[in-house]
C-alpha atoms as a PDB file:
ATOM      1  CA  MET A   1      -9.476   0.666 -15.408  1.00  0.00           C
ATOM      2  CA  ARG A   2     -10.899  -0.066 -11.726  1.00  0.00           C
ATOM      3  CA  LEU A   3     -14.179  -0.015 -10.904  1.00  0.00           C
ATOM      4  CA  ARG A   4     -15.158   3.476  -9.141  1.00  0.00           C
ATOM      5  CA  ASN A   5     -19.416   3.546  -8.970  1.00  0.00           C
ATOM      6  CA  ILE A   6     -21.194   0.778  -7.198  1.00  0.00           C
ATOM      7  CA  THR A   7     -24.284   1.844  -5.687  1.00  0.00           C
ATOM      8  CA  GLY A   8     -24.216   1.967  -2.126  1.00  0.00           C
ATOM      9  CA  SER A   9     -20.867   1.527  -1.794  1.00  0.00           C
ATOM     10  CA  ARG A  10     -20.031   4.618   0.099  1.00  0.00           C
ATOM     11  CA  GLU A  11     -22.719   3.806   3.016  1.00  0.00           C
ATOM     12  CA  ALA A  12     -21.770   0.135   3.335  1.00  0.00           C
ATOM     13  CA  ILE A  13     -18.027   1.738   4.228  1.00  0.00           C
ATOM     14  CA  GLY A  14     -19.362   3.705   6.705  1.00  0.00           C
ATOM     15  CA  GLU A  15     -20.983   0.907   8.579  1.00  0.00           C
ATOM     16  CA  SER A  16     -17.609  -1.306   8.222  1.00  0.00           C
ATOM     17  CA  ARG A  17     -16.376  -2.414  11.150  1.00  0.00           C
ATOM     18  CA  PHE A  18     -12.800  -3.180   9.394  1.00  0.00           C
ATOM     19  CA  VAL A  19     -12.804   0.877   8.034  1.00  0.00           C
ATOM     20  CA  VAL A  20     -11.347   3.138  10.211  1.00  0.00           C
ATOM     21  CA  HIS A  21     -13.483   6.345   9.528  1.00  0.00           C
ATOM     22  CA  GLU A  22     -12.256   8.880  11.493  1.00  0.00           C
ATOM     23  CA  PRO A  23      -8.401   8.688  10.421  1.00  0.00           C
ATOM     24  CA  GLU A  24      -7.895  12.123  11.453  1.00  0.00           C
ATOM     25  CA  GLN A  25      -7.748  11.428  15.191  1.00  0.00           C
ATOM     26  CA  TYR A  26      -5.201   8.941  15.197  1.00  0.00           C
ATOM     27  CA  PRO A  27      -1.740  10.320  14.168  1.00  0.00           C
ATOM     28  CA  GLY A  28       0.959   8.901  16.477  1.00  0.00           C
ATOM     29  CA  LYS A  29      -2.452   6.468  18.037  1.00  0.00           C
ATOM     30  CA  TRP A  30      -2.485   3.631  15.825  1.00  0.00           C
ATOM     31  CA  ARG A  31      -0.674   0.916  17.653  1.00  0.00           C
ATOM     32  CA  GLU A  32      -3.418   2.108  20.588  1.00  0.00           C
ATOM     33  CA  LEU A  33      -5.927   1.137  18.573  1.00  0.00           C
ATOM     34  CA  PHE A  34      -5.037  -2.134  17.488  1.00  0.00           C
ATOM     35  CA  GLY A  35      -3.719  -2.936  20.960  1.00  0.00           C
ATOM     36  CA  ASN A  36      -0.716  -3.789  21.011  1.00  0.00           C
ATOM     37  CA  GLU A  37       3.064  -2.396  20.779  1.00  0.00           C
ATOM     38  CA  ASN A  38       3.631  -4.585  17.218  1.00  0.00           C
ATOM     39  CA  PRO A  39       5.627  -2.737  14.228  1.00  0.00           C
ATOM     40  CA  LEU A  40       3.021  -0.273  12.056  1.00  0.00           C
ATOM     41  CA  CYS A  41       2.918  -0.895   8.153  1.00  0.00           C
ATOM     42  CA  ALA A  42       0.254   0.238   4.816  1.00  0.00           C
ATOM     43  CA  GLU A  43      -0.681  -0.359   1.854  1.00  0.00           C
ATOM     44  CA  ILE A  44      -1.031   2.953   0.147  1.00  0.00           C
ATOM     45  CA  GLY A  45      -3.582   1.923  -3.564  1.00  0.00           C
ATOM     46  CA  MET A  46      -3.754  -1.510  -1.560  1.00  0.00           C
ATOM     47  CA  GLY A  47      -6.697  -2.183  -4.274  1.00  0.00           C
ATOM     48  CA  LYS A  48      -8.754  -5.236  -3.722  1.00  0.00           C
ATOM     49  CA  GLY A  49      -7.137  -6.034  -0.716  1.00  0.00           C
ATOM     50  CA  ARG A  50      -4.621  -9.799  -1.802  1.00  0.00           C
ATOM     51  CA  PHE A  51      -1.342  -8.103  -0.888  1.00  0.00           C
ATOM     52  CA  LEU A  52      -2.611  -7.147   2.220  1.00  0.00           C
ATOM     53  CA  MET A  53      -4.774  -9.836   4.008  1.00  0.00           C
ATOM     54  CA  GLU A  54      -2.418 -12.183   2.256  1.00  0.00           C
ATOM     55  CA  MET A  55       1.236 -10.137   4.301  1.00  0.00           C
ATOM     56  CA  ALA A  56      -1.732 -10.260   7.673  1.00  0.00           C
ATOM     57  CA  LYS A  57      -1.901 -13.956   7.493  1.00  0.00           C
ATOM     58  CA  GLN A  58       1.654 -13.885   7.314  1.00  0.00           C
ATOM     59  CA  HIS A  59       2.634 -11.604   9.427  1.00  0.00           C
ATOM     60  CA  PRO A  60       0.140 -11.753  12.929  1.00  0.00           C
ATOM     61  CA  SER A  61       2.339  -9.497  14.722  1.00  0.00           C
ATOM     62  CA  VAL A  62       2.598  -6.868  12.652  1.00  0.00           C
ATOM     63  CA  ASN A  63      -0.513  -3.850  12.002  1.00  0.00           C
ATOM     64  CA  PHE A  64      -1.229  -3.718   8.812  1.00  0.00           C
ATOM     65  CA  ILE A  65      -3.583  -0.541   7.928  1.00  0.00           C
ATOM     66  CA  GLY A  66      -4.467   0.009   3.901  1.00  0.00           C
ATOM     67  CA  ILE A  67      -5.364   3.082   2.144  1.00  0.00           C
ATOM     68  CA  GLU A  68      -7.362   3.231  -1.033  1.00  0.00           C
ATOM     69  CA  LYS A  69      -9.294   6.108  -2.434  1.00  0.00           C
ATOM     70  CA  TYR A  70     -11.830   4.734  -4.265  1.00  0.00           C
ATOM     71  CA  SER A  71     -15.272   2.929  -2.423  1.00  0.00           C
ATOM     72  CA  SER A  72     -15.853   0.296  -4.761  1.00  0.00           C
ATOM     73  CA  VAL A  73     -12.404  -1.570  -4.848  1.00  0.00           C
ATOM     74  CA  LEU A  74     -12.406  -1.009  -0.680  1.00  0.00           C
ATOM     75  CA  LEU A  75     -16.140  -2.344  -0.798  1.00  0.00           C
ATOM     76  CA  ARG A  76     -14.425  -5.158  -2.490  1.00  0.00           C
ATOM     77  CA  ALA A  77     -11.683  -6.089   0.381  1.00  0.00           C
ATOM     78  CA  ILE A  78     -14.992  -5.794   3.393  1.00  0.00           C
ATOM     79  CA  GLN A  79     -15.856  -7.846   1.875  1.00  0.00           C
ATOM     80  CA  LYS A  80     -13.110 -10.134   1.320  1.00  0.00           C
ATOM     81  CA  MET A  81     -13.019  -9.745   5.095  1.00  0.00           C
ATOM     82  CA  GLU A  82     -16.386 -10.602   5.360  1.00  0.00           C
ATOM     83  CA  GLU A  83     -16.210 -13.679   4.100  1.00  0.00           C
ATOM     84  CA  LEU A  84     -13.213 -14.334   6.177  1.00  0.00           C
ATOM     85  CA  GLU A  85     -14.867 -13.911   9.178  1.00  0.00           C
ATOM     86  CA  GLN A  86     -17.583 -15.587   8.538  1.00  0.00           C
ATOM     87  CA  SER A  87     -14.903 -18.791   8.401  1.00  0.00           C
ATOM     88  CA  GLY A  88     -12.847 -17.905  11.665  1.00  0.00           C
ATOM     89  CA  GLN A  89      -9.586 -16.326   9.148  1.00  0.00           C
ATOM     90  CA  ALA A  90     -10.220 -13.243   9.281  1.00  0.00           C
ATOM     91  CA  PRO A  91      -6.882 -11.537  10.630  1.00  0.00           C
ATOM     92  CA  ALA A  92      -7.311  -9.661  13.602  1.00  0.00           C
ATOM     93  CA  ASN A  93      -4.383  -7.345  12.798  1.00  0.00           C
ATOM     94  CA  ILE A  94      -5.130  -5.683   9.399  1.00  0.00           C
ATOM     95  CA  LYS A  95      -7.599  -1.630   9.468  1.00  0.00           C
ATOM     96  CA  PHE A  96      -8.318  -0.390   6.110  1.00  0.00           C
ATOM     97  CA  ILE A  97      -9.284   3.542   5.654  1.00  0.00           C
ATOM     98  CA  ARG A  98     -10.919   5.402   2.089  1.00  0.00           C
ATOM     99  CA  MET A  99      -8.824   8.595   1.629  1.00  0.00           C
ATOM    100  CA  ASP A 100      -6.615  10.002  -1.137  1.00  0.00           C
ATOM    101  CA  ALA A 101      -3.164   9.867  -0.602  1.00  0.00           C
ATOM    102  CA  GLU A 102      -2.090  13.073  -0.515  1.00  0.00           C
ATOM    103  CA  ASP A 103      -3.731  13.509   3.291  1.00  0.00           C
ATOM    104  CA  ILE A 104      -1.471  10.436   4.292  1.00  0.00           C
ATOM    105  CA  THR A 105       0.642  13.007   6.763  1.00  0.00           C
ATOM    106  CA  LYS A 106      -2.586  13.979   8.272  1.00  0.00           C
ATOM    107  CA  VAL A 107      -3.745  10.813   9.807  1.00  0.00           C
ATOM    108  CA  PHE A 108      -0.363   9.839  10.471  1.00  0.00           C
ATOM    109  CA  GLY A 109       2.403  11.160  13.119  1.00  0.00           C
ATOM    110  CA  GLU A 110       5.737  11.586  12.812  1.00  0.00           C
ATOM    111  CA  GLY A 111       8.269   8.303  11.869  1.00  0.00           C
ATOM    112  CA  GLU A 112       4.822   6.295  13.098  1.00  0.00           C
ATOM    113  CA  LEU A 113       5.607   3.757  10.391  1.00  0.00           C
ATOM    114  CA  ASP A 114       7.709   1.011   9.767  1.00  0.00           C
ATOM    115  CA  ARG A 115       7.261  -0.225   6.313  1.00  0.00           C
ATOM    116  CA  ILE A 116       5.564   1.127   3.072  1.00  0.00           C
ATOM    117  CA  TYR A 117       3.963  -0.726   0.502  1.00  0.00           C
ATOM    118  CA  LEU A 118       3.534   0.657  -2.817  1.00  0.00           C
ATOM    119  CA  ASN A 119       1.701  -1.790  -5.388  1.00  0.00           C
ATOM    120  CA  PHE A 120       1.262  -1.201  -8.849  1.00  0.00           C
ATOM    121  CA  SER A 121       0.300   2.554  -8.559  1.00  0.00           C
ATOM    122  CA  ASP A 122      -2.289   4.444 -11.255  1.00  0.00           C
ATOM    123  CA  PRO A 123       1.023   6.191 -13.940  1.00  0.00           C
ATOM    124  CA  TRP A 124      -0.361   8.861 -14.236  1.00  0.00           C
ATOM    125  CA  PRO A 125       1.222   9.196 -17.790  1.00  0.00           C
ATOM    126  CA  LYS A 126       0.522  12.373 -18.854  1.00  0.00           C
ATOM    127  CA  GLU A 127       3.591  14.779 -17.644  1.00  0.00           C
ATOM    128  CA  ARG A 128       1.015  16.884 -16.073  1.00  0.00           C
ATOM    129  CA  HIS A 129       0.709  14.495 -13.044  1.00  0.00           C
ATOM    130  CA  ALA A 130       3.875  13.817 -12.300  1.00  0.00           C
ATOM    131  CA  LYS A 131       2.815  14.955  -9.115  1.00  0.00           C
ATOM    132  CA  ARG A 132       0.566  13.114  -8.956  1.00  0.00           C
ATOM    133  CA  ARG A 133       2.526   9.429  -9.306  1.00  0.00           C
ATOM    134  CA  LEU A 134       2.965   7.724  -5.118  1.00  0.00           C
ATOM    135  CA  PRO A 135       6.166   7.177  -6.070  1.00  0.00           C
ATOM    136  CA  SER A 136       7.192  10.325  -6.417  1.00  0.00           C
ATOM    137  CA  GLY A 137       9.535  13.570  -4.798  1.00  0.00           C
ATOM    138  CA  GLN A 138       6.533  14.550  -4.142  1.00  0.00           C
ATOM    139  CA  PHE A 139       4.809  11.729  -1.848  1.00  0.00           C
ATOM    140  CA  LEU A 140       8.673  10.844  -1.608  1.00  0.00           C
ATOM    141  CA  ALA A 141       8.860  13.672   1.207  1.00  0.00           C
ATOM    142  CA  ARG A 142       5.283  12.861   2.498  1.00  0.00           C
ATOM    143  CA  TYR A 143       6.460   9.729   3.042  1.00  0.00           C
ATOM    144  CA  ASP A 144       9.437  10.921   4.573  1.00  0.00           C
ATOM    145  CA  ARG A 145       7.668  12.208   7.598  1.00  0.00           C
ATOM    146  CA  ILE A 146       5.789   9.503   8.431  1.00  0.00           C
ATOM    147  CA  LEU A 147       8.219   6.716   8.208  1.00  0.00           C
ATOM    148  CA  LYS A 148      10.562   5.965  11.095  1.00  0.00           C
ATOM    149  CA  LYS A 149      13.707   6.502  10.420  1.00  0.00           C
ATOM    150  CA  ASP A 150      15.240   3.507   9.714  1.00  0.00           C
ATOM    151  CA  GLY A 151      12.202   2.325   7.229  1.00  0.00           C
ATOM    152  CA  GLU A 152      11.404   1.164   3.879  1.00  0.00           C
ATOM    153  CA  LEU A 153       9.574   1.519   1.199  1.00  0.00           C
ATOM    154  CA  GLU A 154       8.754  -1.110  -1.249  1.00  0.00           C
ATOM    155  CA  PHE A 155       7.492  -0.362  -5.123  1.00  0.00           C
ATOM    156  CA  LYS A 156       6.138  -3.080  -7.212  1.00  0.00           C
ATOM    157  CA  THR A 157       4.833  -2.451 -10.874  1.00  0.00           C
ATOM    158  CA  ASP A 158       4.716  -4.163 -14.089  1.00  0.00           C
ATOM    159  CA  ASN A 159       4.989  -0.004 -15.892  1.00  0.00           C
ATOM    160  CA  GLN A 160       8.256   0.025 -16.989  1.00  0.00           C
ATOM    161  CA  GLU A 161       7.684   4.233 -17.549  1.00  0.00           C
ATOM    162  CA  LEU A 162       6.564   4.504 -14.250  1.00  0.00           C
ATOM    163  CA  PHE A 163       9.738   2.652 -12.932  1.00  0.00           C
ATOM    164  CA  ASP A 164      12.130   4.753 -14.271  1.00  0.00           C
ATOM    165  CA  PHE A 165      10.537   7.392 -13.724  1.00  0.00           C
ATOM    166  CA  ALA A 166      10.699   6.400  -9.845  1.00  0.00           C
ATOM    167  CA  VAL A 167      14.479   5.357  -9.990  1.00  0.00           C
ATOM    168  CA  GLY A 168      14.837   8.502 -11.261  1.00  0.00           C
ATOM    169  CA  GLU A 169      13.195  11.039  -8.230  1.00  0.00           C
ATOM    170  CA  LEU A 170      15.687   8.481  -5.853  1.00  0.00           C
ATOM    171  CA  GLU A 171      18.866  10.465  -5.560  1.00  0.00           C
ATOM    172  CA  GLY A 172      16.526  14.348  -5.511  1.00  0.00           C
ATOM    173  CA  ALA A 173      14.454  12.794  -2.464  1.00  0.00           C
ATOM    174  CA  GLY A 174      17.287  12.088  -0.331  1.00  0.00           C
ATOM    175  CA  TRP A 175      16.345   8.482  -1.049  1.00  0.00           C
ATOM    176  CA  LYS A 176      18.586   5.551  -1.617  1.00  0.00           C
ATOM    177  CA  ALA A 177      17.745   2.062  -2.874  1.00  0.00           C
ATOM    178  CA  ARG A 178      18.709  -0.803  -1.177  1.00  0.00           C
ATOM    179  CA  GLU A 179      17.770  -3.393  -3.970  1.00  0.00           C
ATOM    180  CA  LEU A 180      16.386  -3.273  -7.167  1.00  0.00           C
ATOM    181  CA  THR A 181      15.457  -5.404 -10.174  1.00  0.00           C
ATOM    182  CA  ARG A 182      13.239  -5.125 -13.262  1.00  0.00           C
ATOM    183  CA  ASP A 183      12.282  -8.707 -12.987  1.00  0.00           C
ATOM    184  CA  LEU A 184      11.188  -9.733  -9.981  1.00  0.00           C
ATOM    185  CA  HIS A 185       9.625 -13.059 -10.756  1.00  0.00           C
ATOM    186  CA  ALA A 186      13.393 -13.751 -12.505  1.00  0.00           C
ATOM    187  CA  ASP A 187      15.197 -13.104  -8.849  1.00  0.00           C
ATOM    188  CA  GLU A 188      15.077 -15.667  -7.227  1.00  0.00           C
ATOM    189  CA  ARG A 189      16.514 -14.365  -4.625  1.00  0.00           C
ATOM    190  CA  LEU A 190      14.030 -11.237  -4.349  1.00  0.00           C
ATOM    191  CA  CYS A 191      11.257 -12.925  -5.010  1.00  0.00           C
ATOM    192  CA  GLU A 192      12.184 -15.806  -1.993  1.00  0.00           C
ATOM    193  CA  GLY A 193       8.666 -15.065   0.200  1.00  0.00           C
ATOM    194  CA  ASN A 194       7.164 -12.495  -2.427  1.00  0.00           C
ATOM    195  CA  VAL A 195       3.088 -12.127  -2.164  1.00  0.00           C
ATOM    196  CA  MET A 196       1.404 -11.503  -5.300  1.00  0.00           C
ATOM    197  CA  THR A 197      -1.219  -8.322  -5.944  1.00  0.00           C
ATOM    198  CA  GLU A 198      -4.166  -9.883  -8.431  1.00  0.00           C
ATOM    199  CA  TYR A 199      -2.412  -7.283 -11.039  1.00  0.00           C
ATOM    200  CA  GLU A 200       1.056  -8.999 -10.251  1.00  0.00           C
ATOM    201  CA  GLU A 201      -0.927 -12.338 -11.519  1.00  0.00           C
ATOM    202  CA  ARG A 202      -2.297 -10.997 -14.247  1.00  0.00           C
ATOM    203  CA  PHE A 203       0.661  -8.750 -15.272  1.00  0.00           C
ATOM    204  CA  SER A 204       3.142 -11.203 -15.383  1.00  0.00           C
ATOM    205  CA  LYS A 205       0.725 -13.948 -17.011  1.00  0.00           C
ATOM    206  CA  MET A 206       0.969 -11.712 -20.035  1.00  0.00           C
ATOM    207  CA  GLY A 207       4.680 -12.184 -19.519  1.00  0.00           C
ATOM    208  CA  ASN A 208       5.299  -8.632 -18.457  1.00  0.00           C
ATOM    209  CA  PRO A 209       8.516  -8.703 -16.849  1.00  0.00           C
ATOM    210  CA  ILE A 210       7.477  -7.333 -12.445  1.00  0.00           C
ATOM    211  CA  CYS A 211       9.937  -4.405 -11.408  1.00  0.00           C
ATOM    212  CA  LYS A 212      10.985  -3.933  -8.098  1.00  0.00           C
ATOM    213  CA  TYR A 213      12.998  -1.629  -5.293  1.00  0.00           C
ATOM    214  CA  ILE A 214      13.110  -1.301  -1.796  1.00  0.00           C
ATOM    215  CA  ILE A 215      13.822   1.888  -0.810  1.00  0.00           C
ATOM    216  CA  TYR A 216      15.579   3.957   2.210  1.00  0.00           C
ATOM    217  CA  ARG A 217      17.293   7.054   3.359  1.00  0.00           C
END
């Protein structure tokens, strides 16, 4: 379970220059904030930021935005960035937002994102909470608004039931799978260049196969 309560976490986030504090001011203006016209990608539910930071390092000509709901988790990512900054290795192409993913259409303009990443999202296992799942049809409708027409969404999880649900949501929401695997690490082609999250490394070591799809409209 993710850490959710660390004293002073909200204050530390409020003072961090790595965090965009009023993201609702930037729909359609994110490239202005980064100061370039590079592609813009977002990870929703970024956790402690390992995936995002490695992606930013590997792709310096892409801008990355990490979205995290829980202050205590985002604080860990900020601390990592501060450590990297001290050694002169902090990537300049990352910004963080603390927010609930349900509000994502309030902070990005229509067709503003080039790619969206969902990594090991909360499965919300109870059926009455299905609409809260990040790969649900309700969220796919939100992504459809903020993702450019030829943009793609990548989703990884070790939760087979969540993945079955996610795949089942695609057709009704008007999305198609460009790539789909239920054992990413056994697929040499799809695994090439794969950047692992903290959860992915942990679950794969436990022998859990990692599911992944890349979808488009």
